[in-house]
Amino acid sequence: MKTENQNKNYTYILKCSDGSLYCGWTNDLEKRLSAHNAGTASKYTRTRRPVELIYFEEFQTKQEAMSREFRIKKLTRAEKLRLTEGFSQR
């Protein structure tokens, strides 16, 4: 059985097909991205597919990832785009 400290948690930013940005958190980045593109992850992205992962950060706990998501959502669009500059998927 996995404990929370063994799981990876992620805060991520997606670029939607209409150019808008979406921020969320998950403990399975690949599965969540697939769900967004299948239209089953969120109401917001369902009508804005396909989406592209443009940024993510990794955390040890769910609480850290959720806290970071909250802080990112308070940023302006320009600040979010600056955050994603030069990001390449690891």
PDB file of N, CA and C in Angstrom:
ATOM      1  N   MET A   1       0.837  -1.193   0.000  1.00  0.00           N
ATOM      2  CA  MET A   1       0.000   0.000   0.000  1.00  0.00           C
ATOM      3  C   MET A   1       0.874   1.246   0.000  1.00  0.00           C
ATOM      4  N   LYS A   2       0.547   2.196  -0.841  1.00  0.00           N
ATOM      5  CA  LYS A   2       1.321   3.425  -0.921  1.00  0.00           C
ATOM      6  C   LYS A   2       0.858   4.408   0.142  1.00  0.00           C
ATOM      7  N   THR A   3       1.821   5.112   0.710  1.00  0.00           N
ATOM      8  CA  THR A   3       1.466   6.218   1.593  1.00  0.00           C
ATOM      9  C   THR A   3       1.519   7.487   0.775  1.00  0.00           C
ATOM     10  N   GLU A   4       0.973   8.558   1.331  1.00  0.00           N
ATOM     11  CA  GLU A   4       0.930   9.816   0.582  1.00  0.00           C
ATOM     12  C   GLU A   4       2.329  10.283   0.214  1.00  0.00           C
ATOM     13  N   ASN A   5       3.328  10.053   1.051  1.00  0.00           N
ATOM     14  CA  ASN A   5       4.688  10.507   0.776  1.00  0.00           C
ATOM     15  C   ASN A   5       5.330   9.738  -0.371  1.00  0.00           C
ATOM     16  N   GLN A   6       4.825   8.553  -0.711  1.00  0.00           N
ATOM     17  CA  GLN A   6       5.372   7.800  -1.828  1.00  0.00           C
ATOM     18  C   GLN A   6       4.764   8.246  -3.154  1.00  0.00           C
ATOM     19  N   ASN A   7       3.607   8.863  -3.095  1.00  0.00           N
ATOM     20  CA  ASN A   7       2.948   9.353  -4.307  1.00  0.00           C
ATOM     21  C   ASN A   7       3.560  10.675  -4.736  1.00  0.00           C
ATOM     22  N   LYS A   8       3.522  10.921  -6.007  1.00  0.00           N
ATOM     23  CA  LYS A   8       3.907  12.229  -6.515  1.00  0.00           C
ATOM     24  C   LYS A   8       2.619  13.009  -6.743  1.00  0.00           C
ATOM     25  N   ASN A   9       2.673  14.271  -6.464  1.00  0.00           N
ATOM     26  CA  ASN A   9       1.532  15.150  -6.671  1.00  0.00           C
ATOM     27  C   ASN A   9       1.989  16.297  -7.550  1.00  0.00           C
ATOM     28  N   TYR A  10       1.119  16.734  -8.433  1.00  0.00           N
ATOM     29  CA  TYR A  10       1.500  17.726  -9.426  1.00  0.00           C
ATOM     30  C   TYR A  10       0.505  18.875  -9.471  1.00  0.00           C
ATOM     31  N   THR A  11       1.025  20.060  -9.688  1.00  0.00           N
ATOM     32  CA  THR A  11       0.228  21.216 -10.082  1.00  0.00           C
ATOM     33  C   THR A  11       0.591  21.454 -11.537  1.00  0.00           C
ATOM     34  N   TYR A  12      -0.414  21.681 -12.377  1.00  0.00           N
ATOM     35  CA  TYR A  12      -0.145  21.778 -13.812  1.00  0.00           C
ATOM     36  C   TYR A  12      -0.937  22.912 -14.443  1.00  0.00           C
ATOM     37  N   ILE A  13      -0.442  23.350 -15.592  1.00  0.00           N
ATOM     38  CA  ILE A  13      -1.137  24.343 -16.401  1.00  0.00           C
ATOM     39  C   ILE A  13      -1.308  23.769 -17.801  1.00  0.00           C
ATOM     40  N   LEU A  14      -2.523  23.878 -18.308  1.00  0.00           N
ATOM     41  CA  LEU A  14      -2.840  23.435 -19.660  1.00  0.00           C
ATOM     42  C   LEU A  14      -3.149  24.641 -20.531  1.00  0.00           C
ATOM     43  N   LYS A  15      -2.805  24.536 -21.796  1.00  0.00           N
ATOM     44  CA  LYS A  15      -3.240  25.527 -22.784  1.00  0.00           C
ATOM     45  C   LYS A  15      -4.367  24.869 -23.562  1.00  0.00           C
ATOM     46  N   CYS A  16      -5.523  25.503 -23.559  1.00  0.00           N
ATOM     47  CA  CYS A  16      -6.695  24.969 -24.238  1.00  0.00           C
ATOM     48  C   CYS A  16      -6.703  25.392 -25.706  1.00  0.00           C
ATOM     49  N   SER A  17      -7.530  24.727 -26.500  1.00  0.00           N
ATOM     50  CA  SER A  17      -7.573  25.001 -27.942  1.00  0.00           C
ATOM     51  C   SER A  17      -8.007  26.430 -28.256  1.00  0.00           C
ATOM     52  N   ASP A  18      -8.713  27.076 -27.341  1.00  0.00           N
ATOM     53  CA  ASP A  18      -9.127  28.463 -27.569  1.00  0.00           C
ATOM     54  C   ASP A  18      -8.086  29.466 -27.052  1.00  0.00           C
ATOM     55  N   GLY A  19      -6.943  28.949 -26.582  1.00  0.00           N
ATOM     56  CA  GLY A  19      -5.868  29.807 -26.092  1.00  0.00           C
ATOM     57  C   GLY A  19      -5.942  30.120 -24.617  1.00  0.00           C
ATOM     58  N   SER A  20      -7.022  29.725 -23.965  1.00  0.00           N
ATOM     59  CA  SER A  20      -7.142  29.979 -22.529  1.00  0.00           C
ATOM     60  C   SER A  20      -6.252  29.009 -21.747  1.00  0.00           C
ATOM     61  N   LEU A  21      -6.025  29.334 -20.482  1.00  0.00           N
ATOM     62  CA  LEU A  21      -5.184  28.520 -19.614  1.00  0.00           C
ATOM     63  C   LEU A  21      -6.033  27.883 -18.528  1.00  0.00           C
ATOM     64  N   TYR A  22      -5.661  26.678 -18.131  1.00  0.00           N
ATOM     65  CA  TYR A  22      -6.359  25.958 -17.070  1.00  0.00           C
ATOM     66  C   TYR A  22      -5.316  25.442 -16.096  1.00  0.00           C
ATOM     67  N   CYS A  23      -5.545  25.638 -14.816  1.00  0.00           N
ATOM     68  CA  CYS A  23      -4.622  25.154 -13.785  1.00  0.00           C
ATOM     69  C   CYS A  23      -5.343  24.141 -12.908  1.00  0.00           C
ATOM     70  N   GLY A  24      -4.647  23.078 -12.563  1.00  0.00           N
ATOM     71  CA  GLY A  24      -5.224  22.057 -11.691  1.00  0.00           C
ATOM     72  C   GLY A  24      -4.134  21.310 -10.949  1.00  0.00           C
ATOM     73  N   TRP A  25      -4.548  20.296 -10.193  1.00  0.00           N
ATOM     74  CA  TRP A  25      -3.575  19.446  -9.504  1.00  0.00           C
ATOM     75  C   TRP A  25      -4.022  17.992  -9.673  1.00  0.00           C
ATOM     76  N   THR A  26      -3.077  17.081  -9.562  1.00  0.00           N
ATOM     77  CA  THR A  26      -3.370  15.651  -9.697  1.00  0.00           C
ATOM     78  C   THR A  26      -2.250  14.829  -9.078  1.00  0.00           C
ATOM     79  N   ASN A  27      -2.502  13.539  -8.893  1.00  0.00           N
ATOM     80  CA  ASN A  27      -1.431  12.633  -8.466  1.00  0.00           C
ATOM     81  C   ASN A  27      -1.044  11.675  -9.594  1.00  0.00           C
ATOM     82  N   ASP A  28      -1.645  11.863 -10.771  1.00  0.00           N
ATOM     83  CA  ASP A  28      -1.300  11.056 -11.952  1.00  0.00           C
ATOM     84  C   ASP A  28      -1.423  11.949 -13.178  1.00  0.00           C
ATOM     85  N   LEU A  29      -0.327  12.571 -13.544  1.00  0.00           N
ATOM     86  CA  LEU A  29      -0.328  13.587 -14.598  1.00  0.00           C
ATOM     87  C   LEU A  29      -0.765  13.035 -15.958  1.00  0.00           C
ATOM     88  N   GLU A  30      -0.231  11.885 -16.357  1.00  0.00           N
ATOM     89  CA  GLU A  30      -0.597  11.307 -17.663  1.00  0.00           C
ATOM     90  C   GLU A  30      -2.077  10.968 -17.729  1.00  0.00           C
ATOM     91  N   LYS A  31      -2.585  10.351 -16.675  1.00  0.00           N
ATOM     92  CA  LYS A  31      -3.993   9.956 -16.637  1.00  0.00           C
ATOM     93  C   LYS A  31      -4.899  11.196 -16.664  1.00  0.00           C
ATOM     94  N   ARG A  32      -4.511  12.226 -15.927  1.00  0.00           N
ATOM     95  CA  ARG A  32      -5.319  13.448 -15.865  1.00  0.00           C
ATOM     96  C   ARG A  32      -5.336  14.159 -17.220  1.00  0.00           C
ATOM     97  N   LEU A  33      -4.179  14.225 -17.891  1.00  0.00           N
ATOM     98  CA  LEU A  33      -4.114  14.849 -19.212  1.00  0.00           C
ATOM     99  C   LEU A  33      -4.996  14.091 -20.207  1.00  0.00           C
ATOM    100  N   SER A  34      -4.939  12.773 -20.154  1.00  0.00           N
ATOM    101  CA  SER A  34      -5.791  11.949 -21.021  1.00  0.00           C
ATOM    102  C   SER A  34      -7.268  12.207 -20.736  1.00  0.00           C
ATOM    103  N   ALA A  35      -7.604  12.330 -19.462  1.00  0.00           N
ATOM    104  CA  ALA A  35      -8.998  12.590 -19.080  1.00  0.00           C
ATOM    105  C   ALA A  35      -9.452  13.960 -19.585  1.00  0.00           C
ATOM    106  N   HIS A  36      -8.575  14.962 -19.484  1.00  0.00           N
ATOM    107  CA  HIS A  36      -8.922  16.288 -20.010  1.00  0.00           C
ATOM    108  C   HIS A  36      -9.199  16.195 -21.516  1.00  0.00           C
ATOM    109  N   ASN A  37      -8.346  15.503 -22.237  1.00  0.00           N
ATOM    110  CA  ASN A  37      -8.519  15.401 -23.688  1.00  0.00           C
ATOM    111  C   ASN A  37      -9.669  14.486 -24.094  1.00  0.00           C
ATOM    112  N   ALA A  38     -10.105  13.631 -23.180  1.00  0.00           N
ATOM    113  CA  ALA A  38     -11.274  12.783 -23.446  1.00  0.00           C
ATOM    114  C   ALA A  38     -12.573  13.509 -23.082  1.00  0.00           C
ATOM    115  N   GLY A  39     -12.442  14.654 -22.414  1.00  0.00           N
ATOM    116  CA  GLY A  39     -13.623  15.425 -22.030  1.00  0.00           C
ATOM    117  C   GLY A  39     -14.244  14.995 -20.724  1.00  0.00           C
ATOM    118  N   THR A  40     -13.492  14.231 -19.917  1.00  0.00           N
ATOM    119  CA  THR A  40     -14.058  13.713 -18.667  1.00  0.00           C
ATOM    120  C   THR A  40     -13.404  14.283 -17.408  1.00  0.00           C
ATOM    121  N   ALA A  41     -12.483  15.210 -17.554  1.00  0.00           N
ATOM    122  CA  ALA A  41     -11.757  15.711 -16.383  1.00  0.00           C
ATOM    123  C   ALA A  41     -12.371  16.959 -15.768  1.00  0.00           C
ATOM    124  N   SER A  42     -12.799  17.895 -16.587  1.00  0.00           N
ATOM    125  CA  SER A  42     -13.384  19.118 -16.038  1.00  0.00           C
ATOM    126  C   SER A  42     -14.366  19.720 -17.031  1.00  0.00           C
ATOM    127  N   LYS A  43     -15.344  20.393 -16.471  1.00  0.00           N
ATOM    128  CA  LYS A  43     -16.344  21.066 -17.287  1.00  0.00           C
ATOM    129  C   LYS A  43     -15.691  22.130 -18.174  1.00  0.00           C
ATOM    130  N   TYR A  44     -14.710  22.833 -17.606  1.00  0.00           N
ATOM    131  CA  TYR A  44     -14.067  23.923 -18.327  1.00  0.00           C
ATOM    132  C   TYR A  44     -13.348  23.431 -19.585  1.00  0.00           C
ATOM    133  N   THR A  45     -12.560  22.369 -19.447  1.00  0.00           N
ATOM    134  CA  THR A  45     -11.759  21.908 -20.590  1.00  0.00           C
ATOM    135  C   THR A  45     -12.567  21.048 -21.568  1.00  0.00           C
ATOM    136  N   ARG A  46     -13.712  20.563 -21.142  1.00  0.00           N
ATOM    137  CA  ARG A  46     -14.519  19.673 -21.995  1.00  0.00           C
ATOM    138  C   ARG A  46     -14.815  20.294 -23.362  1.00  0.00           C
ATOM    139  N   THR A  47     -15.099  21.592 -23.374  1.00  0.00           N
ATOM    140  CA  THR A  47     -15.451  22.252 -24.634  1.00  0.00           C
ATOM    141  C   THR A  47     -14.276  23.007 -25.255  1.00  0.00           C
ATOM    142  N   ARG A  48     -13.091  22.816 -24.685  1.00  0.00           N
ATOM    143  CA  ARG A  48     -11.908  23.536 -25.164  1.00  0.00           C
ATOM    144  C   ARG A  48     -10.784  22.575 -25.556  1.00  0.00           C
ATOM    145  N   ARG A  49     -11.158  21.405 -26.023  1.00  0.00           N
ATOM    146  CA  ARG A  49     -10.185  20.390 -26.408  1.00  0.00           C
ATOM    147  C   ARG A  49      -9.733  20.590 -27.839  1.00  0.00           C
ATOM    148  N   PRO A  50      -8.537  20.109 -28.163  1.00  0.00           N
ATOM    149  CA  PRO A  50      -7.597  19.427 -27.265  1.00  0.00           C
ATOM    150  C   PRO A  50      -6.858  20.428 -26.380  1.00  0.00           C
ATOM    151  N   VAL A  51      -6.340  19.888 -25.272  1.00  0.00           N
ATOM    152  CA  VAL A  51      -5.532  20.695 -24.367  1.00  0.00           C
ATOM    153  C   VAL A  51      -4.101  20.199 -24.432  1.00  0.00           C
ATOM    154  N   GLU A  52      -3.185  21.097 -24.108  1.00  0.00           N
ATOM    155  CA  GLU A  52      -1.759  20.771 -24.152  1.00  0.00           C
ATOM    156  C   GLU A  52      -1.134  21.111 -22.799  1.00  0.00           C
ATOM    157  N   LEU A  53      -0.383  20.189 -22.246  1.00  0.00           N
ATOM    158  CA  LEU A  53       0.329  20.427 -20.994  1.00  0.00           C
ATOM    159  C   LEU A  53       1.487  21.375 -21.282  1.00  0.00           C
ATOM    160  N   ILE A  54       1.481  22.551 -20.633  1.00  0.00           N
ATOM    161  CA  ILE A  54       2.556  23.509 -20.879  1.00  0.00           C
ATOM    162  C   ILE A  54       3.419  23.749 -19.641  1.00  0.00           C
ATOM    163  N   TYR A  55       3.007  23.202 -18.482  1.00  0.00           N
ATOM    164  CA  TYR A  55       3.783  23.440 -17.266  1.00  0.00           C
ATOM    165  C   TYR A  55       3.325  22.484 -16.167  1.00  0.00           C
ATOM    166  N   PHE A  56       4.268  22.022 -15.356  1.00  0.00           N
ATOM    167  CA  PHE A  56       3.900  21.310 -14.135  1.00  0.00           C
ATOM    168  C   PHE A  56       5.008  21.419 -13.108  1.00  0.00           C
ATOM    169  N   GLU A  57       4.615  21.269 -11.861  1.00  0.00           N
ATOM    170  CA  GLU A  57       5.537  21.209 -10.730  1.00  0.00           C
ATOM    171  C   GLU A  57       5.191  19.957  -9.939  1.00  0.00           C
ATOM    172  N   GLU A  58       6.197  19.348  -9.328  1.00  0.00           N
ATOM    173  CA  GLU A  58       6.010  18.117  -8.569  1.00  0.00           C
ATOM    174  C   GLU A  58       6.138  18.398  -7.074  1.00  0.00           C
ATOM    175  N   PHE A  59       5.264  17.767  -6.294  1.00  0.00           N
ATOM    176  CA  PHE A  59       5.266  17.935  -4.841  1.00  0.00           C
ATOM    177  C   PHE A  59       5.138  16.588  -4.152  1.00  0.00           C
ATOM    178  N   GLN A  60       5.559  16.536  -2.893  1.00  0.00           N
ATOM    179  CA  GLN A  60       5.450  15.295  -2.137  1.00  0.00           C
ATOM    180  C   GLN A  60       4.048  15.073  -1.587  1.00  0.00           C
ATOM    181  N   THR A  61       3.333  16.151  -1.286  1.00  0.00           N
ATOM    182  CA  THR A  61       2.016  15.990  -0.689  1.00  0.00           C
ATOM    183  C   THR A  61       0.920  16.649  -1.517  1.00  0.00           C
ATOM    184  N   LYS A  62      -0.273  16.124  -1.345  1.00  0.00           N
ATOM    185  CA  LYS A  62      -1.463  16.677  -1.990  1.00  0.00           C
ATOM    186  C   LYS A  62      -1.676  18.122  -1.547  1.00  0.00           C
ATOM    187  N   GLN A  63      -1.461  18.381  -0.271  1.00  0.00           N
ATOM    188  CA  GLN A  63      -1.671  19.715   0.271  1.00  0.00           C
ATOM    189  C   GLN A  63      -0.752  20.745  -0.385  1.00  0.00           C
ATOM    190  N   GLU A  64       0.503  20.372  -0.613  1.00  0.00           N
ATOM    191  CA  GLU A  64       1.441  21.282  -1.276  1.00  0.00           C
ATOM    192  C   GLU A  64       0.984  21.586  -2.701  1.00  0.00           C
ATOM    193  N   ALA A  65       0.557  20.552  -3.421  1.00  0.00           N
ATOM    194  CA  ALA A  65       0.106  20.727  -4.801  1.00  0.00           C
ATOM    195  C   ALA A  65      -1.150  21.591  -4.857  1.00  0.00           C
ATOM    196  N   MET A  66      -2.080  21.362  -3.950  1.00  0.00           N
ATOM    197  CA  MET A  66      -3.318  22.137  -3.922  1.00  0.00           C
ATOM    198  C   MET A  66      -3.045  23.594  -3.544  1.00  0.00           C
ATOM    199  N   SER A  67      -2.120  23.803  -2.638  1.00  0.00           N
ATOM    200  CA  SER A  67      -1.750  25.157  -2.228  1.00  0.00           C
ATOM    201  C   SER A  67      -1.115  25.911  -3.385  1.00  0.00           C
ATOM    202  N   ARG A  68      -0.241  25.236  -4.134  1.00  0.00           N
ATOM    203  CA  ARG A  68       0.403  25.859  -5.289  1.00  0.00           C
ATOM    204  C   ARG A  68      -0.635  26.175  -6.370  1.00  0.00           C
ATOM    205  N   GLU A  69      -1.576  25.258  -6.596  1.00  0.00           N
ATOM    206  CA  GLU A  69      -2.648  25.505  -7.566  1.00  0.00           C
ATOM    207  C   GLU A  69      -3.405  26.779  -7.186  1.00  0.00           C
ATOM    208  N   PHE A  70      -3.746  26.920  -5.916  1.00  0.00           N
ATOM    209  CA  PHE A  70      -4.467  28.090  -5.438  1.00  0.00           C
ATOM    210  C   PHE A  70      -3.679  29.371  -5.710  1.00  0.00           C
ATOM    211  N   ARG A  71      -2.366  29.336  -5.441  1.00  0.00           N
ATOM    212  CA  ARG A  71      -1.531  30.516  -5.679  1.00  0.00           C
ATOM    213  C   ARG A  71      -1.420  30.839  -7.167  1.00  0.00           C
ATOM    214  N   ILE A  72      -1.271  29.827  -8.002  1.00  0.00           N
ATOM    215  CA  ILE A  72      -1.169  30.055  -9.455  1.00  0.00           C
ATOM    216  C   ILE A  72      -2.473  30.636  -9.991  1.00  0.00           C
ATOM    217  N   LYS A  73      -3.605  30.157  -9.513  1.00  0.00           N
ATOM    218  CA  LYS A  73      -4.888  30.653  -9.997  1.00  0.00           C
ATOM    219  C   LYS A  73      -5.079  32.132  -9.694  1.00  0.00           C
ATOM    220  N   LYS A  74      -4.380  32.657  -8.718  1.00  0.00           N
ATOM    221  CA  LYS A  74      -4.474  34.078  -8.381  1.00  0.00           C
ATOM    222  C   LYS A  74      -3.603  34.949  -9.288  1.00  0.00           C
ATOM    223  N   LEU A  75      -2.702  34.325 -10.055  1.00  0.00           N
ATOM    224  CA  LEU A  75      -1.832  35.081 -10.949  1.00  0.00           C
ATOM    225  C   LEU A  75      -2.613  35.588 -12.155  1.00  0.00           C
ATOM    226  N   THR A  76      -2.107  36.650 -12.752  1.00  0.00           N
ATOM    227  CA  THR A  76      -2.691  37.125 -14.004  1.00  0.00           C
ATOM    228  C   THR A  76      -2.279  36.175 -15.127  1.00  0.00           C
ATOM    229  N   ARG A  77      -2.929  36.292 -16.257  1.00  0.00           N
ATOM    230  CA  ARG A  77      -2.564  35.471 -17.417  1.00  0.00           C
ATOM    231  C   ARG A  77      -1.103  35.704 -17.800  1.00  0.00           C
ATOM    232  N   ALA A  78      -0.682  36.971 -17.802  1.00  0.00           N
ATOM    233  CA  ALA A  78       0.704  37.292 -18.159  1.00  0.00           C
ATOM    234  C   ALA A  78       1.680  36.644 -17.180  1.00  0.00           C
ATOM    235  N   GLU A  79       1.357  36.658 -15.909  1.00  0.00           N
ATOM    236  CA  GLU A  79       2.232  36.033 -14.901  1.00  0.00           C
ATOM    237  C   GLU A  79       2.285  34.522 -15.096  1.00  0.00           C
ATOM    238  N   LYS A  80       1.164  33.922 -15.428  1.00  0.00           N
ATOM    239  CA  LYS A  80       1.139  32.472 -15.685  1.00  0.00           C
ATOM    240  C   LYS A  80       1.994  32.134 -16.903  1.00  0.00           C
ATOM    241  N   LEU A  81       1.892  32.938 -17.939  1.00  0.00           N
ATOM    242  CA  LEU A  81       2.693  32.694 -19.143  1.00  0.00           C
ATOM    243  C   LEU A  81       4.180  32.874 -18.857  1.00  0.00           C
ATOM    244  N   ARG A  82       4.528  33.849 -18.038  1.00  0.00           N
ATOM    245  CA  ARG A  82       5.940  34.019 -17.650  1.00  0.00           C
ATOM    246  C   ARG A  82       6.443  32.804 -16.895  1.00  0.00           C
ATOM    247  N   LEU A  83       5.597  32.264 -16.022  1.00  0.00           N
ATOM    248  CA  LEU A  83       5.943  31.072 -15.246  1.00  0.00           C
ATOM    249  C   LEU A  83       6.269  29.901 -16.173  1.00  0.00           C
ATOM    250  N   THR A  84       5.546  29.796 -17.279  1.00  0.00           N
ATOM    251  CA  THR A  84       5.713  28.654 -18.185  1.00  0.00           C
ATOM    252  C   THR A  84       6.838  28.840 -19.199  1.00  0.00           C
ATOM    253  N   GLU A  85       7.370  30.067 -19.310  1.00  0.00           N
ATOM    254  CA  GLU A  85       8.439  30.333 -20.274  1.00  0.00           C
ATOM    255  C   GLU A  85       9.633  29.418 -20.037  1.00  0.00           C
ATOM    256  N   GLY A  86      10.132  28.852 -21.104  1.00  0.00           N
ATOM    257  CA  GLY A  86      11.312  28.004 -21.009  1.00  0.00           C
ATOM    258  C   GLY A  86      11.072  26.657 -20.373  1.00  0.00           C
ATOM    259  N   PHE A  87       9.828  26.342 -20.063  1.00  0.00           N
ATOM    260  CA  PHE A  87       9.524  25.053 -19.455  1.00  0.00           C
ATOM    261  C   PHE A  87       9.584  23.977 -20.519  1.00  0.00           C
ATOM    262  N   SER A  88      10.264  22.903 -20.202  1.00  0.00           N
ATOM    263  CA  SER A  88      10.248  21.734 -21.074  1.00  0.00           C
ATOM    264  C   SER A  88       9.900  20.534 -20.228  1.00  0.00           C
ATOM    265  N   GLN A  89       9.050  19.675 -20.743  1.00  0.00           N
ATOM    266  CA  GLN A  89       8.632  18.497 -19.975  1.00  0.00           C
ATOM    267  C   GLN A  89       9.846  17.639 -19.704  1.00  0.00           C
ATOM    268  N   ARG A  90       9.939  17.220 -18.489  1.00  0.00           N
ATOM    269  CA  ARG A  90      11.070  16.399 -18.043  1.00  0.00           C
ATOM    270  C   ARG A  90      10.922  14.980 -18.494  1.00  0.00           C
TER     271      ARG A  90
END
